[in-house]
N, C-alpha and C. Protein backbone atom coordinates (compact mmCIF):
# COMPACT_ATOMS: atom_id res chain seq x y z
N MET A 1 197.87 51.87 60.70
CA MET A 1 197.68 51.61 59.29
C MET A 1 196.57 52.53 58.75
N ALA A 2 196.78 53.00 57.54
CA ALA A 2 195.80 53.90 56.92
C ALA A 2 194.53 53.16 56.56
N GLU A 3 193.42 53.88 56.58
CA GLU A 3 192.13 53.26 56.27
C GLU A 3 191.90 53.18 54.77
N LYS A 4 192.53 54.09 54.01
CA LYS A 4 192.30 54.12 52.57
C LYS A 4 193.61 54.17 51.82
N LEU A 5 193.56 53.76 50.56
CA LEU A 5 194.69 53.85 49.66
C LEU A 5 194.31 54.75 48.50
N LYS A 6 195.23 55.62 48.12
CA LYS A 6 195.04 56.46 46.94
C LYS A 6 195.82 55.79 45.81
N VAL A 7 195.12 55.32 44.79
CA VAL A 7 195.75 54.61 43.69
C VAL A 7 195.62 55.46 42.43
N THR A 8 196.77 55.69 41.76
CA THR A 8 196.81 56.52 40.56
C THR A 8 197.40 55.71 39.42
N LEU A 9 196.75 55.76 38.26
CA LEU A 9 197.25 55.08 37.06
C LEU A 9 198.33 55.94 36.43
N VAL A 10 199.58 55.45 36.38
CA VAL A 10 200.69 56.24 35.85
C VAL A 10 201.25 55.68 34.55
N LYS A 11 200.88 54.46 34.19
CA LYS A 11 201.35 53.86 32.95
C LYS A 11 200.16 53.22 32.25
N SER A 12 200.13 53.36 30.95
CA SER A 12 199.01 52.86 30.17
C SER A 12 198.95 51.34 30.18
N PRO A 13 197.76 50.76 30.38
CA PRO A 13 197.61 49.31 30.34
C PRO A 13 197.41 48.75 28.94
N ILE A 14 197.59 49.56 27.90
CA ILE A 14 197.34 49.10 26.53
C ILE A 14 198.20 47.88 26.19
N GLY A 15 199.48 47.91 26.53
CA GLY A 15 200.37 46.80 26.19
C GLY A 15 200.39 45.69 27.22
N ALA A 16 199.64 45.84 28.30
CA ALA A 16 199.64 44.85 29.37
C ALA A 16 198.80 43.63 28.98
N ILE A 17 199.01 42.53 29.70
CA ILE A 17 198.22 41.33 29.42
C ILE A 17 196.77 41.58 29.81
N PRO A 18 195.83 40.90 29.18
CA PRO A 18 194.40 41.15 29.43
C PRO A 18 193.99 41.05 30.90
N LYS A 19 194.60 40.16 31.64
CA LYS A 19 194.26 40.01 33.06
C LYS A 19 194.61 41.30 33.83
N HIS A 20 195.74 41.92 33.49
CA HIS A 20 196.13 43.16 34.17
C HIS A 20 195.24 44.31 33.74
N ARG A 21 194.84 44.34 32.46
CA ARG A 21 193.92 45.38 32.01
C ARG A 21 192.59 45.28 32.76
N ALA A 22 192.12 44.07 32.97
CA ALA A 22 190.86 43.87 33.69
C ALA A 22 191.00 44.29 35.16
N THR A 23 192.15 44.04 35.74
CA THR A 23 192.38 44.44 37.13
C THR A 23 192.38 45.95 37.27
N VAL A 24 193.02 46.65 36.33
CA VAL A 24 193.04 48.11 36.35
C VAL A 24 191.62 48.65 36.23
N LYS A 25 190.83 48.06 35.36
CA LYS A 25 189.44 48.50 35.19
C LYS A 25 188.63 48.22 36.46
N ALA A 26 188.87 47.08 37.10
CA ALA A 26 188.14 46.73 38.32
C ALA A 26 188.50 47.66 39.47
N LEU A 27 189.70 48.21 39.45
CA LEU A 27 190.10 49.18 40.47
C LEU A 27 189.42 50.53 40.25
N GLY A 28 188.79 50.72 39.09
CA GLY A 28 188.10 51.96 38.81
C GLY A 28 188.96 52.97 38.08
N LEU A 29 190.09 52.51 37.53
CA LEU A 29 191.01 53.39 36.82
C LEU A 29 190.74 53.28 35.33
N THR A 30 190.22 54.35 34.75
CA THR A 30 189.85 54.31 33.34
C THR A 30 190.76 55.15 32.46
N LYS A 31 191.36 56.21 33.02
CA LYS A 31 192.21 57.10 32.24
C LYS A 31 193.54 57.32 32.95
N MET A 32 194.52 57.74 32.17
CA MET A 32 195.83 58.04 32.73
C MET A 32 195.73 59.14 33.78
N HIS A 33 196.48 59.00 34.85
CA HIS A 33 196.58 59.97 35.95
C HIS A 33 195.27 60.15 36.71
N LYS A 34 194.33 59.22 36.55
CA LYS A 34 193.12 59.25 37.37
C LYS A 34 193.45 58.63 38.72
N THR A 35 192.91 59.22 39.77
CA THR A 35 193.16 58.74 41.13
C THR A 35 191.85 58.31 41.77
N VAL A 36 191.88 57.17 42.44
CA VAL A 36 190.72 56.69 43.18
C VAL A 36 191.16 56.36 44.60
N GLU A 37 190.23 56.52 45.54
CA GLU A 37 190.48 56.13 46.92
C GLU A 37 189.75 54.82 47.17
N LEU A 38 190.50 53.83 47.62
CA LEU A 38 189.94 52.51 47.86
C LEU A 38 190.22 52.10 49.29
N PRO A 39 189.40 51.21 49.85
CA PRO A 39 189.65 50.74 51.22
C PRO A 39 190.94 49.94 51.29
N ASN A 40 191.61 50.04 52.41
CA ASN A 40 192.87 49.32 52.60
C ASN A 40 192.57 47.93 53.17
N ASN A 41 192.22 47.01 52.27
CA ASN A 41 191.97 45.63 52.70
C ASN A 41 192.79 44.67 51.84
N ASP A 42 192.75 43.40 52.17
CA ASP A 42 193.57 42.42 51.48
C ASP A 42 193.22 42.27 50.01
N ALA A 43 191.95 42.38 49.66
CA ALA A 43 191.53 42.22 48.27
C ALA A 43 192.12 43.33 47.41
N VAL A 44 192.02 44.55 47.88
CA VAL A 44 192.54 45.69 47.12
C VAL A 44 194.06 45.63 47.04
N LYS A 45 194.71 45.28 48.16
CA LYS A 45 196.16 45.19 48.16
C LYS A 45 196.66 44.13 47.20
N GLY A 46 195.94 43.02 47.08
CA GLY A 46 196.31 41.98 46.12
C GLY A 46 196.16 42.45 44.69
N MET A 47 195.09 43.20 44.41
CA MET A 47 194.90 43.73 43.06
C MET A 47 195.99 44.75 42.71
N VAL A 48 196.34 45.60 43.67
CA VAL A 48 197.37 46.60 43.44
C VAL A 48 198.73 45.92 43.24
N ALA A 49 199.00 44.87 43.99
CA ALA A 49 200.27 44.16 43.85
C ALA A 49 200.40 43.54 42.46
N GLN A 50 199.29 43.11 41.89
CA GLN A 50 199.30 42.49 40.57
C GLN A 50 199.67 43.50 39.48
N VAL A 51 199.26 44.74 39.65
CA VAL A 51 199.51 45.76 38.63
C VAL A 51 200.41 46.88 39.18
N CYS A 52 201.33 46.54 40.07
CA CYS A 52 202.17 47.54 40.72
C CYS A 52 203.04 48.30 39.73
N HIS A 53 203.32 47.73 38.57
CA HIS A 53 204.14 48.40 37.56
C HIS A 53 203.34 49.45 36.77
N LEU A 54 202.02 49.50 36.96
CA LEU A 54 201.17 50.44 36.24
C LEU A 54 200.62 51.55 37.14
N VAL A 55 200.67 51.36 38.44
CA VAL A 55 200.02 52.30 39.36
C VAL A 55 201.00 52.85 40.39
N LYS A 56 200.59 53.97 41.01
CA LYS A 56 201.30 54.56 42.14
C LYS A 56 200.34 54.53 43.32
N VAL A 57 200.81 54.12 44.49
CA VAL A 57 199.94 53.96 45.65
C VAL A 57 200.43 54.83 46.79
N GLU A 58 199.48 55.52 47.44
CA GLU A 58 199.76 56.33 48.62
C GLU A 58 198.75 55.97 49.69
N GLU A 59 199.22 55.98 50.94
CA GLU A 59 198.30 55.75 52.05
C GLU A 59 197.70 57.08 52.47
N VAL A 60 196.39 57.07 52.73
CA VAL A 60 195.70 58.31 53.13
C VAL A 60 195.30 58.21 54.58
């Protein structure tokens, strides 16, 4: 299993519900097509699963 996840914001959270907008912000994604590397743990995977329609995920 990979140690890190590369998460990229591919869809704007403007029309999303406030809880999903807050999750995107907590992941460190502030602008479209910004990519962040996050640890591959259960907390991050749960956050990514909640906003899977807004982000693209790759294992590093």
